[in-house]
Amino acid sequence: MIRSIALQKKQKKWLAPLPYGEPSETYGAKFKALMGPSPEAQMGIDKILASQSLWDATMSNSVARYLKENKRALVVHLVGAFHTESRLGTIEHLLRYRPKTRAIVVTVRYEDDFKTFDKAKHTDIGDYVILTDAKQPRSKR
């Protein structure tokens, strides 16, 4: 568990309470694979992973607090696929804060062959998987 962060008290109120849970082994392995095997990418990887986990924990804690105060609420939480794909990251933290929470994960993937659902590639990345045409222009951020 992460137990300390070097921030002032008023800054910490915007973050998940300490201690927050470590990322799962599966999430950590996925993150490290995404970052790549180069020595440059692996330098400081544990600190970067800890900050990613803090981001997930903070989002999850915010959702859990809202649901605690609003018992009948339905929350739609939009986030990049990495944070929820395969029910990792944000979902893992949410279930630590509020174990009985029901969550549905919708994963959107850009695919060249977006008309074909590839079981090996797309199974278990979300409760619902939406494939979109990777060749179509995306909106600018």
N, C-alpha and C. Protein backbone atom coordinates (compact mmCIF):
# COMPACT_ATOMS: atom_id res chain seq x y z
N MET A 1 0.83 -1.19 0.00
CA MET A 1 0.00 0.00 0.00
C MET A 1 0.87 1.25 0.00
N ILE A 2 0.39 2.26 -0.65
CA ILE A 2 1.07 3.55 -0.67
C ILE A 2 0.63 4.30 0.58
N ARG A 3 1.59 4.72 1.41
CA ARG A 3 1.25 5.29 2.70
C ARG A 3 1.56 6.79 2.83
N SER A 4 2.39 7.33 1.96
CA SER A 4 2.70 8.74 2.13
C SER A 4 2.90 9.42 0.78
N ILE A 5 2.56 10.69 0.76
CA ILE A 5 2.74 11.53 -0.42
C ILE A 5 3.21 12.89 0.09
N ALA A 6 4.24 13.44 -0.53
CA ALA A 6 4.81 14.72 -0.09
C ALA A 6 4.00 15.89 -0.64
N LEU A 7 2.83 16.12 -0.06
CA LEU A 7 1.99 17.24 -0.45
C LEU A 7 1.48 17.93 0.81
N GLN A 8 1.02 19.15 0.65
CA GLN A 8 0.41 19.86 1.76
C GLN A 8 -0.98 19.28 2.02
N LYS A 9 -1.47 19.50 3.23
CA LYS A 9 -2.76 18.96 3.64
C LYS A 9 -3.90 19.37 2.70
N LYS A 10 -3.93 20.64 2.29
CA LYS A 10 -5.02 21.10 1.42
C LYS A 10 -4.93 20.47 0.03
N GLN A 11 -3.72 20.09 -0.39
CA GLN A 11 -3.56 19.41 -1.68
C GLN A 11 -4.01 17.96 -1.59
N LYS A 12 -3.74 17.33 -0.46
CA LYS A 12 -4.09 15.92 -0.29
C LYS A 12 -5.59 15.67 -0.30
N LYS A 13 -6.39 16.70 0.03
CA LYS A 13 -7.84 16.49 0.09
C LYS A 13 -8.42 16.18 -1.29
N TRP A 14 -7.68 16.48 -2.35
CA TRP A 14 -8.14 16.21 -3.71
C TRP A 14 -7.77 14.80 -4.17
N LEU A 15 -7.03 14.08 -3.35
CA LEU A 15 -6.56 12.74 -3.72
C LEU A 15 -7.27 11.67 -2.91
N ALA A 16 -7.16 10.44 -3.37
CA ALA A 16 -7.69 9.31 -2.61
C ALA A 16 -7.01 9.28 -1.25
N PRO A 17 -7.74 8.89 -0.20
CA PRO A 17 -7.13 8.84 1.13
C PRO A 17 -6.03 7.78 1.20
N LEU A 18 -5.04 8.09 2.01
CA LEU A 18 -3.95 7.14 2.24
C LEU A 18 -4.30 6.22 3.39
N PRO A 19 -3.87 4.99 3.38
CA PRO A 19 -3.17 4.36 2.27
C PRO A 19 -4.15 3.92 1.18
N TYR A 20 -3.71 3.95 -0.06
CA TYR A 20 -4.52 3.41 -1.14
C TYR A 20 -3.82 2.16 -1.66
N GLY A 21 -4.58 1.27 -2.27
CA GLY A 21 -4.05 -0.03 -2.66
C GLY A 21 -3.03 0.02 -3.79
N GLU A 22 -2.15 -0.94 -3.76
CA GLU A 22 -1.17 -1.12 -4.84
C GLU A 22 -1.90 -1.57 -6.10
N PRO A 23 -1.34 -1.28 -7.26
CA PRO A 23 -1.92 -1.84 -8.48
C PRO A 23 -1.76 -3.36 -8.48
N SER A 24 -2.70 -4.06 -9.06
CA SER A 24 -2.59 -5.51 -9.12
C SER A 24 -1.40 -5.91 -9.98
N GLU A 25 -0.94 -7.14 -9.82
CA GLU A 25 0.17 -7.63 -10.63
C GLU A 25 -0.18 -7.57 -12.12
N THR A 26 -1.41 -7.92 -12.44
CA THR A 26 -1.85 -7.91 -13.84
C THR A 26 -1.80 -6.50 -14.41
N TYR A 27 -2.30 -5.53 -13.64
CA TYR A 27 -2.30 -4.13 -14.08
C TYR A 27 -0.86 -3.63 -14.23
N GLY A 28 -0.01 -3.95 -13.26
CA GLY A 28 1.39 -3.54 -13.32
C GLY A 28 2.10 -4.11 -14.53
N ALA A 29 1.86 -5.38 -14.82
CA ALA A 29 2.49 -6.02 -15.98
C ALA A 29 2.00 -5.38 -17.27
N LYS A 30 0.70 -5.10 -17.34
CA LYS A 30 0.13 -4.45 -18.53
C LYS A 30 0.76 -3.06 -18.72
N PHE A 31 0.90 -2.32 -17.64
CA PHE A 31 1.48 -0.98 -17.69
C PHE A 31 2.93 -1.04 -18.16
N LYS A 32 3.70 -1.95 -17.58
CA LYS A 32 5.12 -2.06 -17.94
C LYS A 32 5.29 -2.50 -19.39
N ALA A 33 4.41 -3.37 -19.87
CA ALA A 33 4.46 -3.79 -21.27
C ALA A 33 4.16 -2.61 -22.19
N LEU A 34 3.21 -1.79 -21.81
CA LEU A 34 2.85 -0.61 -22.60
C LEU A 34 4.01 0.38 -22.66
N MET A 35 4.72 0.53 -21.56
CA MET A 35 5.82 1.48 -21.51
C MET A 35 7.01 1.02 -22.35
N GLY A 36 7.11 -0.28 -22.60
CA GLY A 36 8.17 -0.81 -23.45
C GLY A 36 9.38 -1.27 -22.65
N PRO A 37 10.20 -2.11 -23.28
CA PRO A 37 11.33 -2.72 -22.57
C PRO A 37 12.60 -1.88 -22.53
N SER A 38 12.63 -0.74 -23.21
CA SER A 38 13.88 0.03 -23.26
C SER A 38 14.27 0.51 -21.86
N PRO A 39 15.56 0.63 -21.61
CA PRO A 39 16.02 1.11 -20.30
C PRO A 39 15.45 2.48 -19.95
N GLU A 40 15.32 3.35 -20.97
CA GLU A 40 14.76 4.68 -20.73
C GLU A 40 13.33 4.59 -20.23
N ALA A 41 12.56 3.70 -20.85
CA ALA A 41 11.15 3.54 -20.47
C ALA A 41 11.03 2.94 -19.07
N GLN A 42 11.97 2.09 -18.70
CA GLN A 42 11.88 1.39 -17.42
C GLN A 42 12.45 2.20 -16.25
N MET A 43 13.19 3.28 -16.56
CA MET A 43 13.73 4.11 -15.49
C MET A 43 12.59 4.78 -14.73
N GLY A 44 12.53 4.57 -13.46
CA GLY A 44 11.50 5.20 -12.65
C GLY A 44 10.11 4.65 -12.89
N ILE A 45 10.02 3.47 -13.50
CA ILE A 45 8.72 2.91 -13.86
C ILE A 45 7.83 2.69 -12.65
N ASP A 46 8.40 2.30 -11.52
CA ASP A 46 7.59 2.04 -10.33
C ASP A 46 6.92 3.32 -9.82
N LYS A 47 7.62 4.44 -9.91
CA LYS A 47 7.02 5.71 -9.48
C LYS A 47 5.92 6.15 -10.44
N ILE A 48 6.15 5.92 -11.72
CA ILE A 48 5.12 6.27 -12.71
C ILE A 48 3.90 5.38 -12.52
N LEU A 49 4.12 4.10 -12.26
CA LEU A 49 3.01 3.17 -12.01
C LEU A 49 2.26 3.58 -10.73
N ALA A 50 2.99 4.00 -9.70
CA ALA A 50 2.34 4.45 -8.47
C ALA A 50 1.47 5.68 -8.73
N SER A 51 1.94 6.59 -9.58
CA SER A 51 1.12 7.77 -9.88
C SER A 51 -0.11 7.39 -10.70
N GLN A 52 0.04 6.42 -11.58
CA GLN A 52 -1.10 5.92 -12.36
C GLN A 52 -2.13 5.28 -11.41
N SER A 53 -1.64 4.54 -10.44
CA SER A 53 -2.52 3.90 -9.48
C SER A 53 -3.22 4.94 -8.60
N LEU A 54 -2.51 6.01 -8.24
CA LEU A 54 -3.12 7.09 -7.46
C LEU A 54 -4.24 7.74 -8.27
N TRP A 55 -4.02 7.92 -9.54
CA TRP A 55 -5.05 8.49 -10.43
C TRP A 55 -6.29 7.59 -10.40
N ASP A 56 -6.08 6.28 -10.58
CA ASP A 56 -7.19 5.32 -10.55
C ASP A 56 -7.90 5.32 -9.20
N ALA A 57 -7.11 5.32 -8.13
CA ALA A 57 -7.69 5.30 -6.78
C ALA A 57 -8.50 6.56 -6.52
N THR A 58 -8.00 7.70 -6.97
CA THR A 58 -8.71 8.96 -6.76
C THR A 58 -10.03 8.99 -7.53
N MET A 59 -10.00 8.55 -8.78
CA MET A 59 -11.26 8.49 -9.54
C MET A 59 -12.24 7.55 -8.85
N SER A 60 -11.76 6.40 -8.43
CA SER A 60 -12.62 5.40 -7.79
C SER A 60 -13.18 5.89 -6.47
N ASN A 61 -12.34 6.54 -5.69
CA ASN A 61 -12.79 7.07 -4.41
C ASN A 61 -13.87 8.12 -4.62
N SER A 62 -13.72 8.96 -5.63
CA SER A 62 -14.74 9.98 -5.93
C SER A 62 -16.07 9.33 -6.29
N VAL A 63 -16.03 8.29 -7.10
CA VAL A 63 -17.25 7.58 -7.48
C VAL A 63 -17.87 6.90 -6.26
N ALA A 64 -17.05 6.23 -5.46
CA ALA A 64 -17.55 5.53 -4.26
C ALA A 64 -18.19 6.50 -3.28
N ARG A 65 -17.57 7.66 -3.06
CA ARG A 65 -18.14 8.66 -2.15
C ARG A 65 -19.48 9.16 -2.68
N TYR A 66 -19.55 9.42 -3.97
CA TYR A 66 -20.80 9.90 -4.56
C TYR A 66 -21.90 8.85 -4.40
N LEU A 67 -21.58 7.60 -4.66
CA LEU A 67 -22.57 6.54 -4.53
C LEU A 67 -23.01 6.34 -3.09
N LYS A 68 -22.11 6.56 -2.15
CA LYS A 68 -22.47 6.45 -0.74
C LYS A 68 -23.50 7.52 -0.37
N GLU A 69 -23.34 8.71 -0.91
CA GLU A 69 -24.25 9.82 -0.61
C GLU A 69 -25.53 9.79 -1.45
N ASN A 70 -25.49 9.09 -2.55
CA ASN A 70 -26.62 9.05 -3.49
C ASN A 70 -26.94 7.59 -3.82
N LYS A 71 -27.61 6.94 -2.91
CA LYS A 71 -27.81 5.48 -2.95
C LYS A 71 -28.39 4.96 -4.27
N ARG A 72 -29.28 5.70 -4.88
CA ARG A 72 -29.96 5.20 -6.08
C ARG A 72 -29.36 5.75 -7.37
N ALA A 73 -28.21 6.35 -7.26
CA ALA A 73 -27.59 6.99 -8.43
C ALA A 73 -27.02 5.98 -9.41
N LEU A 74 -26.99 6.40 -10.64
CA LEU A 74 -26.30 5.68 -11.71
C LEU A 74 -25.17 6.60 -12.15
N VAL A 75 -23.96 6.12 -12.09
CA VAL A 75 -22.80 6.94 -12.46
C VAL A 75 -22.25 6.44 -13.79
N VAL A 76 -22.05 7.36 -14.71
CA VAL A 76 -21.37 7.06 -15.96
C VAL A 76 -20.00 7.73 -15.85
N HIS A 77 -18.98 6.92 -15.81
CA HIS A 77 -17.61 7.41 -15.62
C HIS A 77 -16.84 7.18 -16.92
N LEU A 78 -16.53 8.25 -17.63
CA LEU A 78 -15.80 8.14 -18.89
C LEU A 78 -14.32 8.33 -18.63
N VAL A 79 -13.55 7.37 -19.11
CA VAL A 79 -12.12 7.39 -18.85
C VAL A 79 -11.43 6.61 -19.97
N GLY A 80 -10.15 6.85 -20.15
CA GLY A 80 -9.41 6.08 -21.15
C GLY A 80 -9.47 4.59 -20.86
N ALA A 81 -9.48 3.81 -21.92
CA ALA A 81 -9.66 2.36 -21.80
C ALA A 81 -8.64 1.70 -20.87
N PHE A 82 -7.43 2.22 -20.85
CA PHE A 82 -6.40 1.59 -20.01
C PHE A 82 -6.83 1.53 -18.55
N HIS A 83 -7.59 2.51 -18.10
CA HIS A 83 -7.98 2.59 -16.69
C HIS A 83 -9.04 1.57 -16.29
N THR A 84 -9.74 0.99 -17.26
CA THR A 84 -10.83 0.06 -16.91
C THR A 84 -10.80 -1.25 -17.69
N GLU A 85 -10.01 -1.31 -18.74
CA GLU A 85 -9.99 -2.50 -19.58
C GLU A 85 -9.71 -3.74 -18.75
N SER A 86 -10.43 -4.80 -19.02
CA SER A 86 -10.32 -6.08 -18.31
C SER A 86 -10.65 -5.94 -16.82
N ARG A 87 -11.40 -4.89 -16.48
CA ARG A 87 -11.83 -4.63 -15.10
C ARG A 87 -10.64 -4.37 -14.17
N LEU A 88 -9.58 -3.81 -14.72
CA LEU A 88 -8.38 -3.48 -13.93
C LEU A 88 -8.44 -2.01 -13.51
N GLY A 89 -7.40 -1.55 -12.85
CA GLY A 89 -7.23 -0.14 -12.53
C GLY A 89 -8.36 0.47 -11.73
N THR A 90 -9.11 1.34 -12.36
CA THR A 90 -10.18 2.07 -11.68
C THR A 90 -11.21 1.11 -11.08
N ILE A 91 -11.57 0.07 -11.80
CA ILE A 91 -12.56 -0.89 -11.30
C ILE A 91 -12.01 -1.62 -10.07
N GLU A 92 -10.75 -2.03 -10.11
CA GLU A 92 -10.15 -2.70 -8.95
C GLU A 92 -10.20 -1.81 -7.71
N HIS A 93 -9.84 -0.56 -7.87
CA HIS A 93 -9.87 0.37 -6.73
C HIS A 93 -11.30 0.62 -6.26
N LEU A 94 -12.22 0.79 -7.19
CA LEU A 94 -13.62 1.02 -6.82
C LEU A 94 -14.14 -0.13 -5.96
N LEU A 95 -13.81 -1.35 -6.34
CA LEU A 95 -14.29 -2.50 -5.58
C LEU A 95 -13.59 -2.63 -4.23
N ARG A 96 -12.44 -2.01 -4.06
CA ARG A 96 -11.81 -1.96 -2.73
C ARG A 96 -12.57 -0.98 -1.84
N TYR A 97 -12.95 0.16 -2.41
CA TYR A 97 -13.68 1.18 -1.64
C TYR A 97 -15.13 0.79 -1.40
N ARG A 98 -15.72 0.11 -2.35
CA ARG A 98 -17.16 -0.20 -2.28
C ARG A 98 -17.37 -1.56 -2.93
N PRO A 99 -17.08 -2.64 -2.18
CA PRO A 99 -17.05 -3.99 -2.75
C PRO A 99 -18.32 -4.46 -3.46
N LYS A 100 -19.46 -3.97 -3.08
CA LYS A 100 -20.70 -4.46 -3.69
C LYS A 100 -21.16 -3.64 -4.89
N THR A 101 -20.32 -2.73 -5.34
CA THR A 101 -20.68 -1.89 -6.48
C THR A 101 -20.80 -2.73 -7.74
N ARG A 102 -21.89 -2.52 -8.46
CA ARG A 102 -22.06 -3.16 -9.77
C ARG A 102 -21.52 -2.21 -10.82
N ALA A 103 -20.65 -2.71 -11.66
CA ALA A 103 -20.04 -1.87 -12.69
C ALA A 103 -20.10 -2.58 -14.04
N ILE A 104 -20.33 -1.82 -15.06
CA ILE A 104 -20.29 -2.32 -16.44
C ILE A 104 -19.17 -1.58 -17.14
N VAL A 105 -18.29 -2.32 -17.79
CA VAL A 105 -17.17 -1.72 -18.51
C VAL A 105 -17.46 -1.78 -20.01
N VAL A 106 -17.47 -0.61 -20.62
CA VAL A 106 -17.62 -0.50 -22.08
C VAL A 106 -16.25 -0.07 -22.62
N THR A 107 -15.66 -0.90 -23.44
CA THR A 107 -14.35 -0.60 -24.01
C THR A 107 -14.50 -0.29 -25.49
N VAL A 108 -13.94 0.83 -25.91
CA VAL A 108 -13.98 1.23 -27.31
C VAL A 108 -12.58 1.05 -27.88
N ARG A 109 -12.49 0.35 -28.99
CA ARG A 109 -11.20 0.11 -29.64
C ARG A 109 -11.24 0.56 -31.09
N TYR A 110 -10.20 1.23 -31.52
CA TYR A 110 -10.03 1.57 -32.94
C TYR A 110 -9.36 0.38 -33.60
N GLU A 111 -9.97 -0.17 -34.63
CA GLU A 111 -9.43 -1.35 -35.31
C GLU A 111 -9.47 -1.14 -36.82
N ASP A 112 -8.43 -1.61 -37.51
CA ASP A 112 -8.44 -1.57 -38.97
C ASP A 112 -9.57 -2.44 -39.51
N ASP A 113 -9.72 -3.61 -38.91
CA ASP A 113 -10.79 -4.53 -39.32
C ASP A 113 -11.90 -4.44 -38.26
N PHE A 114 -12.57 -3.32 -38.21
CA PHE A 114 -13.53 -3.06 -37.13
C PHE A 114 -14.83 -3.86 -37.27
N LYS A 115 -15.02 -4.53 -38.38
CA LYS A 115 -16.24 -5.32 -38.57
C LYS A 115 -16.10 -6.74 -38.05
N THR A 116 -14.89 -7.09 -37.62
CA THR A 116 -14.62 -8.46 -37.16
C THR A 116 -14.26 -8.46 -35.68
N PHE A 117 -15.06 -9.18 -34.90
CA PHE A 117 -14.76 -9.36 -33.48
C PHE A 117 -13.79 -10.53 -33.36
N ASP A 118 -12.59 -10.26 -32.91
CA ASP A 118 -11.55 -11.27 -32.75
C ASP A 118 -11.59 -11.75 -31.30
N LYS A 119 -12.11 -12.97 -31.10
CA LYS A 119 -12.27 -13.48 -29.73
C LYS A 119 -10.97 -13.44 -28.94
N ALA A 120 -9.88 -13.83 -29.56
CA ALA A 120 -8.60 -13.86 -28.84
C ALA A 120 -8.16 -12.46 -28.41
N LYS A 121 -8.48 -11.48 -29.21
CA LYS A 121 -8.03 -10.11 -28.95
C LYS A 121 -9.02 -9.30 -28.11
N HIS A 122 -10.32 -9.56 -28.27
CA HIS A 122 -11.33 -8.69 -27.69
C HIS A 122 -12.09 -9.29 -26.50
N THR A 123 -12.00 -10.59 -26.29
CA THR A 123 -12.71 -11.19 -25.17
C THR A 123 -12.09 -10.72 -23.86
N ASP A 124 -12.91 -10.41 -22.91
CA ASP A 124 -12.50 -10.03 -21.55
C ASP A 124 -11.91 -8.63 -21.41
N ILE A 125 -11.94 -7.81 -22.45
CA ILE A 125 -11.44 -6.44 -22.28
C ILE A 125 -12.54 -5.50 -21.79
N GLY A 126 -13.78 -5.96 -21.87
CA GLY A 126 -14.90 -5.17 -21.38
C GLY A 126 -16.16 -6.01 -21.39
N ASP A 127 -17.14 -5.58 -20.62
CA ASP A 127 -18.43 -6.28 -20.65
C ASP A 127 -19.09 -6.06 -22.01
N TYR A 128 -18.85 -4.89 -22.56
CA TYR A 128 -19.28 -4.55 -23.92
C TYR A 128 -18.06 -3.99 -24.63
N VAL A 129 -17.87 -4.42 -25.87
CA VAL A 129 -16.74 -3.95 -26.66
C VAL A 129 -17.28 -3.32 -27.94
N ILE A 130 -16.89 -2.09 -28.18
CA ILE A 130 -17.30 -1.37 -29.39
C ILE A 130 -16.06 -1.20 -30.26
N LEU A 131 -16.14 -1.71 -31.48
CA LEU A 131 -15.04 -1.58 -32.42
C LEU A 131 -15.38 -0.47 -33.41
N THR A 132 -14.44 0.45 -33.60
CA THR A 132 -14.66 1.55 -34.53
C THR A 132 -13.56 1.55 -35.60
N ASP A 133 -13.83 2.20 -36.69
CA ASP A 133 -12.93 2.22 -37.84
C ASP A 133 -11.71 3.09 -37.56
N ALA A 134 -10.56 2.45 -37.48
CA ALA A 134 -9.31 3.17 -37.19
C ALA A 134 -8.92 4.12 -38.31
N LYS A 135 -9.48 3.92 -39.49
CA LYS A 135 -9.12 4.76 -40.63
C LYS A 135 -9.89 6.08 -40.65
N GLN A 136 -10.92 6.18 -39.86
CA GLN A 136 -11.71 7.41 -39.82
C GLN A 136 -10.97 8.47 -39.01
N PRO A 137 -11.05 9.72 -39.43
CA PRO A 137 -10.37 10.77 -38.66
C PRO A 137 -11.00 10.91 -37.27
N ARG A 138 -10.15 11.19 -36.32
CA ARG A 138 -10.62 11.39 -34.94
C ARG A 138 -10.75 12.88 -34.68
N SER A 139 -11.57 13.21 -33.72
CA SER A 139 -11.70 14.62 -33.35
C SER A 139 -10.41 15.09 -32.69
N LYS A 140 -10.15 16.36 -32.80
CA LYS A 140 -8.94 16.92 -32.19
C LYS A 140 -9.22 17.19 -30.73
N ARG A 141 -8.21 16.99 -29.92
CA ARG A 141 -8.36 17.19 -28.47
C ARG A 141 -8.18 18.62 -28.12
